[in-house]
N, C-alpha and C. Protein backbone atom coordinates (compact mmCIF):
# COMPACT_ATOMS: atom_id res chain seq x y z
N MET A 1 144.89 -26.28 66.50
CA MET A 1 143.60 -26.89 66.69
C MET A 1 143.49 -28.22 65.96
N ASN A 2 144.11 -28.33 64.84
CA ASN A 2 144.09 -29.59 64.10
C ASN A 2 144.80 -30.70 64.84
N SER A 3 145.86 -30.37 65.55
CA SER A 3 146.60 -31.40 66.28
C SER A 3 145.77 -31.97 67.43
N SER A 4 144.95 -31.16 68.09
CA SER A 4 144.11 -31.68 69.17
C SER A 4 142.99 -32.57 68.63
N VAL A 5 142.48 -32.25 67.45
CA VAL A 5 141.45 -33.08 66.82
C VAL A 5 142.05 -34.42 66.42
N LEU A 6 143.26 -34.41 65.86
CA LEU A 6 143.93 -35.65 65.48
C LEU A 6 144.26 -36.49 66.69
N LEU A 7 144.69 -35.84 67.78
CA LEU A 7 145.02 -36.56 69.01
C LEU A 7 143.78 -37.22 69.61
N THR A 8 142.64 -36.52 69.57
CA THR A 8 141.39 -37.08 70.08
C THR A 8 140.94 -38.25 69.21
N ALA A 9 141.07 -38.14 67.90
CA ALA A 9 140.69 -39.22 66.99
C ALA A 9 141.59 -40.43 67.21
N ALA A 10 142.87 -40.21 67.42
CA ALA A 10 143.79 -41.32 67.66
C ALA A 10 143.46 -42.00 68.98
N ASN A 11 143.14 -41.23 70.02
CA ASN A 11 142.78 -41.82 71.31
C ASN A 11 141.51 -42.64 71.22
N SER A 12 140.53 -42.14 70.47
CA SER A 12 139.27 -42.88 70.35
C SER A 12 139.46 -44.15 69.54
N SER A 13 140.31 -44.13 68.52
CA SER A 13 140.54 -45.35 67.74
C SER A 13 141.33 -46.37 68.56
N ILE A 14 142.26 -45.91 69.39
CA ILE A 14 143.00 -46.83 70.26
C ILE A 14 142.07 -47.45 71.29
N SER A 15 141.21 -46.66 71.87
CA SER A 15 140.27 -47.20 72.86
C SER A 15 139.29 -48.17 72.20
N LEU A 16 138.90 -47.92 70.96
CA LEU A 16 138.02 -48.83 70.24
C LEU A 16 138.73 -50.17 70.02
N ILE A 17 139.98 -50.11 69.63
CA ILE A 17 140.75 -51.34 69.41
C ILE A 17 140.88 -52.12 70.72
N ILE A 18 141.12 -51.41 71.80
CA ILE A 18 141.23 -52.07 73.11
C ILE A 18 139.92 -52.76 73.47
N TRP A 19 138.79 -52.10 73.24
CA TRP A 19 137.49 -52.71 73.56
C TRP A 19 137.20 -53.94 72.70
N VAL A 20 137.61 -53.89 71.44
CA VAL A 20 137.41 -55.05 70.57
C VAL A 20 138.26 -56.22 71.06
N VAL A 21 139.49 -55.95 71.45
CA VAL A 21 140.35 -57.01 71.98
C VAL A 21 139.76 -57.58 73.27
N VAL A 22 139.29 -56.72 74.15
CA VAL A 22 138.67 -57.18 75.40
C VAL A 22 137.44 -58.04 75.10
N LEU A 23 136.66 -57.66 74.13
CA LEU A 23 135.47 -58.42 73.74
C LEU A 23 135.86 -59.81 73.24
N PHE A 24 136.88 -59.90 72.40
CA PHE A 24 137.30 -61.21 71.90
C PHE A 24 137.88 -62.08 73.01
N VAL A 25 138.62 -61.49 73.94
CA VAL A 25 139.14 -62.26 75.07
C VAL A 25 137.99 -62.77 75.92
N PHE A 26 137.01 -61.93 76.16
CA PHE A 26 135.82 -62.33 76.92
C PHE A 26 135.10 -63.49 76.22
N MET A 27 134.90 -63.37 74.91
CA MET A 27 134.23 -64.43 74.16
C MET A 27 135.02 -65.74 74.22
N TYR A 28 136.34 -65.64 74.15
CA TYR A 28 137.15 -66.86 74.19
C TYR A 28 136.99 -67.58 75.52
N PHE A 29 137.12 -66.84 76.63
CA PHE A 29 137.09 -67.48 77.94
C PHE A 29 135.70 -67.90 78.39
N PHE A 30 134.66 -67.28 77.88
CA PHE A 30 133.31 -67.62 78.34
C PHE A 30 132.48 -68.39 77.32
N MET A 31 132.97 -68.52 76.09
CA MET A 31 132.19 -69.25 75.10
C MET A 31 133.00 -70.34 74.41
N ILE A 32 134.12 -70.00 73.85
CA ILE A 32 134.88 -70.95 73.03
C ILE A 32 135.60 -71.97 73.89
N ARG A 33 136.29 -71.54 74.92
CA ARG A 33 137.07 -72.45 75.77
C ARG A 33 136.20 -73.49 76.48
N PRO A 34 135.08 -73.11 77.11
CA PRO A 34 134.23 -74.14 77.73
C PRO A 34 133.67 -75.14 76.73
N GLN A 35 133.37 -74.68 75.52
CA GLN A 35 132.84 -75.58 74.50
C GLN A 35 133.92 -76.58 74.08
N GLN A 36 135.16 -76.14 73.96
CA GLN A 36 136.25 -77.05 73.62
C GLN A 36 136.48 -78.06 74.74
N LYS A 37 136.38 -77.61 75.98
CA LYS A 37 136.55 -78.49 77.13
C LYS A 37 135.46 -79.56 77.16
N GLU A 38 134.23 -79.14 76.90
CA GLU A 38 133.10 -80.08 76.88
C GLU A 38 133.28 -81.11 75.76
N GLN A 39 133.78 -80.68 74.61
CA GLN A 39 134.00 -81.59 73.49
C GLN A 39 135.08 -82.62 73.84
N LYS A 40 136.14 -82.19 74.53
CA LYS A 40 137.19 -83.13 74.94
C LYS A 40 136.64 -84.15 75.93
N GLU A 41 135.80 -83.71 76.86
CA GLU A 41 135.20 -84.63 77.83
C GLU A 41 134.30 -85.65 77.15
N LYS A 42 133.54 -85.21 76.16
CA LYS A 42 132.65 -86.12 75.44
C LYS A 42 133.47 -87.13 74.62
N THR A 43 134.56 -86.68 74.02
CA THR A 43 135.41 -87.59 73.27
C THR A 43 136.03 -88.63 74.20
N ALA A 44 136.46 -88.21 75.39
CA ALA A 44 137.02 -89.14 76.36
C ALA A 44 135.96 -90.13 76.83
N MET A 45 134.74 -89.66 77.01
CA MET A 45 133.65 -90.53 77.44
C MET A 45 133.35 -91.58 76.35
N MET A 46 133.34 -91.15 75.10
CA MET A 46 133.04 -92.08 74.01
C MET A 46 134.15 -93.12 73.83
N SER A 47 135.38 -92.76 74.20
CA SER A 47 136.47 -93.73 74.05
C SER A 47 136.37 -94.84 75.09
N THR A 48 135.66 -94.60 76.19
CA THR A 48 135.50 -95.64 77.21
C THR A 48 134.25 -96.49 77.01
N LEU A 49 133.48 -96.20 75.97
CA LEU A 49 132.24 -96.94 75.70
C LEU A 49 132.56 -98.40 75.39
N ALA A 50 131.84 -99.31 76.04
CA ALA A 50 132.07 -100.74 75.83
C ALA A 50 130.73 -101.47 75.82
N VAL A 51 130.77 -102.69 75.33
CA VAL A 51 129.56 -103.53 75.30
C VAL A 51 129.14 -103.80 76.74
N GLY A 52 127.84 -103.66 77.02
CA GLY A 52 127.31 -103.89 78.36
C GLY A 52 127.07 -102.62 79.14
N ASP A 53 127.55 -101.49 78.63
CA ASP A 53 127.33 -100.21 79.31
C ASP A 53 125.89 -99.74 79.13
N THR A 54 125.35 -99.14 80.17
CA THR A 54 124.03 -98.51 80.08
C THR A 54 124.23 -97.08 79.60
N VAL A 55 123.45 -96.69 78.60
CA VAL A 55 123.61 -95.35 78.03
C VAL A 55 122.29 -94.60 78.08
N LEU A 56 122.41 -93.29 78.15
CA LEU A 56 121.27 -92.39 78.03
C LEU A 56 121.43 -91.67 76.70
N THR A 57 120.42 -91.75 75.84
CA THR A 57 120.51 -91.09 74.54
C THR A 57 120.08 -89.64 74.67
N THR A 58 120.37 -88.87 73.64
CA THR A 58 119.98 -87.46 73.66
C THR A 58 118.47 -87.29 73.61
N SER A 59 117.76 -88.31 73.19
CA SER A 59 116.30 -88.22 73.16
C SER A 59 115.67 -88.69 74.48
N GLY A 60 116.50 -89.13 75.44
CA GLY A 60 115.99 -89.46 76.76
C GLY A 60 115.72 -90.92 77.01
N PHE A 61 116.16 -91.81 76.13
CA PHE A 61 115.93 -93.24 76.31
C PHE A 61 117.15 -93.89 76.94
N TYR A 62 116.90 -94.82 77.87
CA TYR A 62 117.97 -95.62 78.47
C TYR A 62 118.05 -96.94 77.73
N GLY A 63 119.26 -97.40 77.50
CA GLY A 63 119.46 -98.67 76.83
C GLY A 63 120.80 -99.26 77.19
N VAL A 64 121.03 -100.47 76.69
CA VAL A 64 122.29 -101.18 76.95
C VAL A 64 122.98 -101.41 75.61
N VAL A 65 124.26 -101.11 75.55
CA VAL A 65 125.04 -101.31 74.33
C VAL A 65 125.29 -102.81 74.18
N ILE A 66 124.90 -103.35 73.01
CA ILE A 66 125.11 -104.79 72.78
C ILE A 66 126.16 -105.04 71.71
N ALA A 67 126.49 -104.03 70.90
CA ALA A 67 127.53 -104.20 69.88
C ALA A 67 128.05 -102.84 69.45
N ILE A 68 129.32 -102.83 69.05
CA ILE A 68 129.93 -101.62 68.50
C ILE A 68 130.55 -102.02 67.15
N PRO A 69 129.76 -101.93 66.07
CA PRO A 69 130.25 -102.41 64.77
C PRO A 69 131.39 -101.57 64.18
N ASP A 70 131.38 -100.26 64.38
CA ASP A 70 132.47 -99.41 63.86
C ASP A 70 132.64 -98.20 64.76
N ASP A 71 133.47 -97.26 64.32
CA ASP A 71 133.83 -96.12 65.17
C ASP A 71 132.67 -95.14 65.39
N THR A 72 131.69 -95.12 64.52
CA THR A 72 130.63 -94.11 64.65
C THR A 72 129.27 -94.70 65.01
N THR A 73 129.14 -96.01 65.01
CA THR A 73 127.84 -96.65 65.21
C THR A 73 127.88 -97.60 66.40
N VAL A 74 126.79 -97.62 67.15
CA VAL A 74 126.60 -98.61 68.22
C VAL A 74 125.20 -99.20 68.07
N ILE A 75 125.03 -100.41 68.55
CA ILE A 75 123.70 -101.02 68.57
C ILE A 75 123.26 -101.07 70.02
N VAL A 76 122.12 -100.42 70.28
CA VAL A 76 121.61 -100.29 71.64
C VAL A 76 120.31 -101.07 71.76
N GLU A 77 120.16 -101.79 72.87
CA GLU A 77 118.97 -102.58 73.14
C GLU A 77 118.12 -101.83 74.17
N PHE A 78 116.86 -101.60 73.83
CA PHE A 78 115.95 -100.87 74.70
C PHE A 78 114.88 -101.81 75.22
N GLY A 79 114.42 -101.57 76.44
CA GLY A 79 113.30 -102.33 77.00
C GLY A 79 113.72 -103.65 77.59
N SER A 80 112.76 -104.31 78.20
CA SER A 80 113.05 -105.58 78.87
C SER A 80 112.72 -106.79 78.00
N ASN A 81 112.08 -106.58 76.85
CA ASN A 81 111.70 -107.72 76.03
C ASN A 81 112.83 -108.16 75.09
N LYS A 82 113.92 -107.45 75.07
CA LYS A 82 115.13 -107.80 74.32
C LYS A 82 114.90 -107.89 72.81
N ASN A 83 113.84 -107.30 72.32
CA ASN A 83 113.58 -107.33 70.88
C ASN A 83 113.79 -105.98 70.21
N CYS A 84 114.00 -104.97 70.99
CA CYS A 84 114.15 -103.62 70.45
C CYS A 84 115.63 -103.25 70.38
N ARG A 85 116.25 -103.56 69.27
CA ARG A 85 117.66 -103.26 69.05
C ARG A 85 117.77 -102.24 67.95
N ILE A 86 118.38 -101.12 68.27
CA ILE A 86 118.43 -100.01 67.33
C ILE A 86 119.88 -99.59 67.10
N PRO A 87 120.32 -99.56 65.84
CA PRO A 87 121.64 -99.00 65.57
C PRO A 87 121.55 -97.47 65.63
N MET A 88 122.52 -96.86 66.26
CA MET A 88 122.51 -95.40 66.37
C MET A 88 123.93 -94.87 66.34
N GLN A 89 124.05 -93.58 66.10
CA GLN A 89 125.35 -92.94 66.08
C GLN A 89 125.85 -92.74 67.50
N LYS A 90 127.17 -92.78 67.68
CA LYS A 90 127.74 -92.54 69.00
C LYS A 90 127.46 -91.11 69.45
N ALA A 91 127.32 -90.20 68.52
CA ALA A 91 127.08 -88.79 68.86
C ALA A 91 125.74 -88.60 69.56
N SER A 92 124.83 -89.54 69.42
CA SER A 92 123.52 -89.40 70.05
C SER A 92 123.50 -89.94 71.48
N ILE A 93 124.64 -90.33 72.00
CA ILE A 93 124.73 -90.79 73.39
C ILE A 93 125.10 -89.61 74.26
N ALA A 94 124.30 -89.36 75.28
CA ALA A 94 124.52 -88.21 76.16
C ALA A 94 125.26 -88.59 77.43
N GLN A 95 125.09 -89.82 77.91
CA GLN A 95 125.68 -90.22 79.18
C GLN A 95 125.93 -91.72 79.17
N ILE A 96 127.01 -92.13 79.83
CA ILE A 96 127.36 -93.55 79.92
C ILE A 96 127.46 -93.93 81.39
N GLU A 97 126.88 -95.08 81.74
CA GLU A 97 127.01 -95.60 83.09
C GLU A 97 127.57 -97.01 83.00
N LYS A 98 128.70 -97.20 83.62
CA LYS A 98 129.36 -98.51 83.63
C LYS A 98 128.62 -99.44 84.60
N PRO A 99 128.58 -100.73 84.32
CA PRO A 99 127.89 -101.66 85.23
C PRO A 99 128.48 -101.67 86.63
N GLU A 100 129.82 -101.55 86.74
CA GLU A 100 130.43 -101.57 88.07
C GLU A 100 130.07 -100.31 88.87
N ASP A 101 129.86 -99.18 88.18
CA ASP A 101 129.42 -97.96 88.87
C ASP A 101 128.02 -98.12 89.42
N ALA A 102 127.16 -98.81 88.68
CA ALA A 102 125.79 -99.03 89.14
C ALA A 102 125.78 -99.93 90.37
N VAL A 103 126.66 -100.92 90.41
CA VAL A 103 126.74 -101.82 91.57
C VAL A 103 127.21 -101.04 92.80
N LYS A 104 128.23 -100.18 92.63
CA LYS A 104 128.72 -99.38 93.75
C LYS A 104 127.63 -98.46 94.28
N ALA A 105 126.88 -97.83 93.37
CA ALA A 105 125.83 -96.91 93.79
C ALA A 105 124.73 -97.65 94.55
N SER A 106 124.38 -98.85 94.11
CA SER A 106 123.33 -99.59 94.82
C SER A 106 123.80 -100.05 96.19
N LYS A 107 125.09 -100.40 96.33
CA LYS A 107 125.62 -100.80 97.64
C LYS A 107 125.62 -99.61 98.60
N GLU A 108 125.99 -98.45 98.11
CA GLU A 108 125.98 -97.25 98.95
C GLU A 108 124.56 -96.90 99.37
N GLU A 109 123.62 -97.08 98.48
CA GLU A 109 122.21 -96.80 98.81
C GLU A 109 121.70 -97.76 99.86
N ASP A 110 122.09 -99.04 99.76
CA ASP A 110 121.69 -100.03 100.78
C ASP A 110 122.26 -99.68 102.14
N LYS A 111 123.51 -99.21 102.19
CA LYS A 111 124.11 -98.83 103.46
C LYS A 111 123.36 -97.66 104.09
N LYS A 112 122.94 -96.71 103.28
CA LYS A 112 122.20 -95.56 103.79
C LYS A 112 120.86 -95.98 104.36
N GLU A 113 120.20 -96.93 103.69
CA GLU A 113 118.89 -97.40 104.16
C GLU A 113 119.03 -98.17 105.47
N LYS A 114 120.12 -98.92 105.63
CA LYS A 114 120.32 -99.70 106.85
C LYS A 114 120.60 -98.81 108.05
N THR A 115 121.24 -97.68 107.82
CA THR A 115 121.56 -96.79 108.94
C THR A 115 120.34 -96.00 109.40
N LYS A 116 119.30 -95.94 108.63
CA LYS A 116 118.09 -95.20 109.00
C LYS A 116 117.27 -95.97 109.93
């Protein structure tokens, strides 16, 4: 009778270990890996940042990059009066739009309007 109790305890501990491993694999593929991928994409996006790019900040403001003094700071100009220049961290930039991409998008939009 003792051997069957020990066998049952061993089976339950093995199944517990298997469930813990499955849980960690699940967490890796659905939480850790996508976060690492997103971080790599953001790093690649920040490496293409240049003067003249239109940026969207994490607070929802659109501006134009006018200077990049160092690796962590950019100076962004907001508004049309050209007097609102704010130094900010690169980490606070959520999206970058290149000027040539904006030109392409406007040309495609014009073509769509002409066909209507």
